[in-house]
Amino acid sequence: MKIFGDTNSGNCLKVKWVCDRLALPYRWIDIDTIKGETRTPEFLKLNGAGQVPTVEFDDGRTLAQSNAIIRYLARGSALIPSDAYAAAKMDEWMFWEQYSHEPYIAVCRFQMVYLKKPASELDPEKVKRGYAALARMEQHLSASRCLAGEAFSLADVSLLAYTRVAHEGGFDLTGYPSARRWIGESERALGLPAAK
């Protein structure tokens, strides 16, 4: 299996983390999105949307969208709850991540880290919605060890990707002790060093 990804992307790292956690063999192929490497004719043959991550399986089939990829790779593993309702709650968090978390936390991070914008130039609405996402996570995690119950799942992998580096997008996590606890536990569950 080949993973076409950018190591600066939390969405790409999700795929790497799941493969590493499940000891799935893969070859990582670095794609620099800033240099437009997702727009080459060769890459567009793999993924017509021109996005990473993209996985190419040994039989030539491809799959895109980080949460779809990790959902496929983790089938039959402990990362997906065996209880149907718990699995649906996991999916609920994963869909929420792409719609109500990533567009704000990750976009602010991208603008500050890669476009070198100061925090004062970020879109106030994106910042507001990013904090709303963090507040929702904090409320939930104050009563639950993990996002989809007490067991670590793909929901935690999915939300960890950009929450652990939210500070790089100007978000102050000081007032989110449950989220900070969860970040540390999730990083340890994946064997990751603590985010700087």
Protein backbone atom coordinates (compact mmCIF):
# COMPACT_ATOMS: atom_id res chain seq x y z
CA MET A 1 0.00 0.00 0.00
CA LYS A 2 1.19 3.50 -0.81
CA ILE A 3 0.12 6.53 1.18
CA PHE A 4 0.45 9.80 -0.70
CA GLY A 5 0.59 12.45 1.96
CA ASP A 6 2.04 15.65 3.37
CA THR A 7 3.47 15.22 6.87
CA ASN A 8 2.40 18.80 7.68
CA SER A 9 -1.25 17.74 7.28
CA GLY A 10 -3.15 16.34 10.23
CA ASN A 11 -5.49 14.62 7.79
CA CYS A 12 -2.55 12.74 6.30
CA LEU A 13 -1.06 11.93 9.69
CA LYS A 14 -4.31 10.25 10.75
CA VAL A 15 -3.70 7.61 8.07
CA LYS A 16 -0.08 7.11 9.09
CA TRP A 17 -1.01 6.81 12.77
CA VAL A 18 -3.66 4.17 12.10
CA CYS A 19 -1.28 2.14 9.93
CA ASP A 20 1.42 2.36 12.59
CA ARG A 21 -0.97 1.46 15.42
CA LEU A 22 -2.29 -1.57 13.51
CA ALA A 23 1.15 -2.53 12.11
CA LEU A 24 -0.12 -2.27 8.53
CA PRO A 25 2.70 -2.18 5.97
CA TYR A 26 2.85 0.90 3.76
CA ARG A 27 5.15 3.10 1.74
CA TRP A 28 4.84 6.81 2.47
CA ILE A 29 5.18 9.05 -0.59
CA ASP A 30 5.74 12.68 0.32
CA ILE A 31 3.53 15.13 -1.53
CA ASP A 32 4.20 18.82 -1.01
CA THR A 33 0.84 20.53 -1.29
CA ILE A 34 2.37 24.00 -1.02
CA LYS A 35 4.41 23.30 -4.17
CA GLY A 36 1.29 22.13 -6.03
CA GLU A 37 2.28 18.47 -6.20
CA THR A 38 -1.38 17.43 -5.87
CA ARG A 39 -2.13 19.20 -9.15
CA THR A 40 0.20 17.24 -11.41
CA PRO A 41 -1.38 15.07 -14.13
CA GLU A 42 0.13 11.98 -12.44
CA PHE A 43 -1.42 12.75 -9.06
CA LEU A 44 -4.78 13.75 -10.54
CA LYS A 45 -4.99 10.27 -12.08
CA LEU A 46 -4.89 8.88 -8.53
CA ASN A 47 -7.27 11.44 -7.04
CA GLY A 48 -9.23 13.68 -9.38
CA ALA A 49 -9.97 16.06 -6.50
CA GLY A 50 -6.24 16.74 -6.16
CA GLN A 51 -6.14 16.16 -2.40
CA VAL A 52 -4.08 14.28 0.12
CA PRO A 53 -4.18 11.85 1.73
CA THR A 54 -4.72 9.36 -1.03
CA VAL A 55 -4.02 5.66 -0.64
CA GLU A 56 -3.21 3.31 -3.48
CA PHE A 57 -3.70 -0.34 -2.62
CA ASP A 58 -1.64 -3.18 -4.04
CA ASP A 59 -4.41 -4.02 -6.53
CA GLY A 60 -4.33 -0.46 -7.96
CA ARG A 61 -7.54 0.78 -6.34
CA THR A 62 -7.36 4.17 -4.64
CA LEU A 63 -9.18 5.76 -1.73
CA ALA A 64 -9.26 9.38 -0.57
CA GLN A 65 -10.65 11.40 2.36
CA SER A 66 -8.82 10.76 5.61
CA ASN A 67 -11.74 9.54 7.68
CA ALA A 68 -12.94 7.17 4.93
CA ILE A 69 -9.40 5.80 4.64
CA ILE A 70 -8.94 5.17 8.36
CA ARG A 71 -12.46 3.70 8.64
CA TYR A 72 -11.51 1.22 5.90
CA LEU A 73 -8.06 0.41 7.27
CA ALA A 74 -9.28 -0.18 10.82
CA ARG A 75 -12.18 -2.49 9.97
CA GLY A 76 -12.22 -5.46 12.34
CA SER A 77 -9.83 -3.78 14.81
CA ALA A 78 -10.36 -2.44 18.32
CA LEU A 79 -10.26 1.10 16.87
CA ILE A 80 -13.88 0.62 15.75
CA PRO A 81 -16.31 -0.30 18.53
CA SER A 82 -18.02 -3.66 18.07
CA ASP A 83 -21.28 -2.25 19.42
CA ALA A 84 -23.25 -0.75 16.52
CA TYR A 85 -24.42 2.30 18.49
CA ALA A 86 -20.92 3.03 19.81
CA ALA A 87 -19.59 2.71 16.24
CA ALA A 88 -22.25 5.16 15.07
CA LYS A 89 -21.23 7.60 17.84
CA MET A 90 -17.65 7.26 16.58
CA ASP A 91 -18.83 8.12 13.08
CA GLU A 92 -20.82 11.05 14.45
CA TRP A 93 -17.62 12.56 15.91
CA MET A 94 -15.69 11.87 12.70
CA PHE A 95 -18.29 13.61 10.54
CA TRP A 96 -18.41 16.49 13.03
CA GLU A 97 -14.62 16.78 12.87
CA GLN A 98 -14.64 17.44 9.14
CA TYR A 99 -17.56 19.87 9.24
CA SER A 100 -17.33 21.71 12.57
CA HIS A 101 -13.71 21.41 13.75
CA GLU A 102 -11.18 21.06 10.93
CA PRO A 103 -12.50 24.01 8.85
CA TYR A 104 -11.72 26.35 11.74
CA ILE A 105 -8.85 24.94 13.81
CA ALA A 106 -6.88 23.56 10.85
CA VAL A 107 -7.53 26.57 8.61
CA CYS A 108 -6.33 29.02 11.28
CA ARG A 109 -3.24 26.86 11.81
CA PHE A 110 -2.56 26.76 8.06
CA GLN A 111 -2.83 30.53 7.82
CA MET A 112 -0.48 31.14 10.74
CA VAL A 113 2.08 28.39 10.10
CA TYR A 114 2.23 28.32 6.32
CA LEU A 115 0.94 31.71 5.21
CA LYS A 116 2.70 33.42 8.17
CA LYS A 117 -0.36 35.47 9.13
CA PRO A 118 -0.36 36.91 12.63
CA ALA A 119 -3.25 35.85 14.88
CA SER A 120 -4.64 39.37 14.64
CA GLU A 121 -5.34 38.82 10.91
CA LEU A 122 -7.31 35.58 11.30
CA ASP A 123 -10.98 35.62 10.37
CA PRO A 124 -12.76 36.30 13.70
CA GLU A 125 -15.62 33.98 12.70
CA LYS A 126 -13.20 31.08 12.14
CA VAL A 127 -11.60 31.76 15.52
CA LYS A 128 -15.02 31.91 17.21
CA ARG A 129 -16.11 28.63 15.64
CA GLY A 130 -12.78 27.01 16.51
CA TYR A 131 -13.29 27.88 20.16
CA ALA A 132 -16.87 26.61 19.95
CA ALA A 133 -15.52 23.26 18.70
CA LEU A 134 -12.99 23.12 21.53
CA ALA A 135 -15.73 23.97 24.05
CA ARG A 136 -17.90 21.12 22.76
CA MET A 137 -15.01 18.69 23.09
CA GLU A 138 -14.18 19.97 26.57
CA GLN A 139 -17.76 19.52 27.75
CA HIS A 140 -17.93 15.98 26.39
CA LEU A 141 -14.49 14.94 27.62
CA SER A 142 -15.17 16.23 31.11
CA ALA A 143 -17.60 13.32 31.48
CA SER A 144 -16.04 10.72 29.15
CA ARG A 145 -12.52 9.34 28.88
CA CYS A 146 -12.64 9.20 25.06
CA LEU A 147 -14.90 10.67 22.42
CA ALA A 148 -16.97 7.57 21.62
CA GLY A 149 -17.09 6.18 25.15
CA GLU A 150 -14.34 4.82 27.36
CA ALA A 151 -12.32 3.03 24.66
CA PHE A 152 -9.88 4.78 22.32
CA SER A 153 -11.30 4.76 18.77
CA LEU A 154 -10.98 6.34 15.35
CA ALA A 155 -12.98 9.30 16.68
CA ASP A 156 -10.02 10.09 18.94
CA VAL A 157 -7.51 9.64 16.11
CA SER A 158 -9.56 11.91 13.87
CA LEU A 159 -9.97 14.75 16.37
CA LEU A 160 -6.43 14.48 17.73
CA ALA A 161 -4.87 15.42 14.39
CA TYR A 162 -5.61 19.13 14.62
CA THR A 163 -6.59 19.55 18.29
CA ARG A 164 -3.07 18.67 19.45
CA VAL A 165 -1.65 21.53 17.33
CA ALA A 166 -4.51 24.01 17.81
CA HIS A 167 -2.08 26.35 19.59
CA GLU A 168 -0.23 26.72 16.27
CA GLY A 169 -3.43 28.30 14.94
CA GLY A 170 -3.61 30.78 17.79
CA PHE A 171 -5.97 28.76 20.02
CA ASP A 172 -5.19 28.85 23.74
CA LEU A 173 -5.95 25.49 25.34
CA THR A 174 -5.30 26.64 28.91
CA GLY A 175 -9.00 26.70 29.78
CA TYR A 176 -9.62 23.19 28.40
CA PRO A 177 -8.19 20.78 31.01
CA SER A 178 -10.24 17.76 29.91
CA ALA A 179 -9.23 18.27 26.29
CA ARG A 180 -5.57 18.61 27.33
CA ARG A 181 -5.81 15.40 29.37
CA TRP A 182 -7.37 13.64 26.38
CA ILE A 183 -4.67 14.96 24.01
CA GLY A 184 -1.93 13.50 26.23
CA GLU A 185 -3.67 10.16 26.60
CA SER A 186 -4.41 9.95 22.88
CA GLU A 187 -0.82 10.77 21.96
CA ARG A 188 0.37 8.03 24.29
CA ALA A 189 -2.14 5.57 22.84
CA LEU A 190 -0.64 6.21 19.40
CA GLY A 191 2.97 6.27 20.61
CA LEU A 192 3.39 9.90 19.59
CA PRO A 193 5.64 12.46 21.25
CA ALA A 194 3.77 15.29 22.90
CA ALA A 195 2.97 18.14 20.50
CA LYS A 196 5.25 21.13 21.03
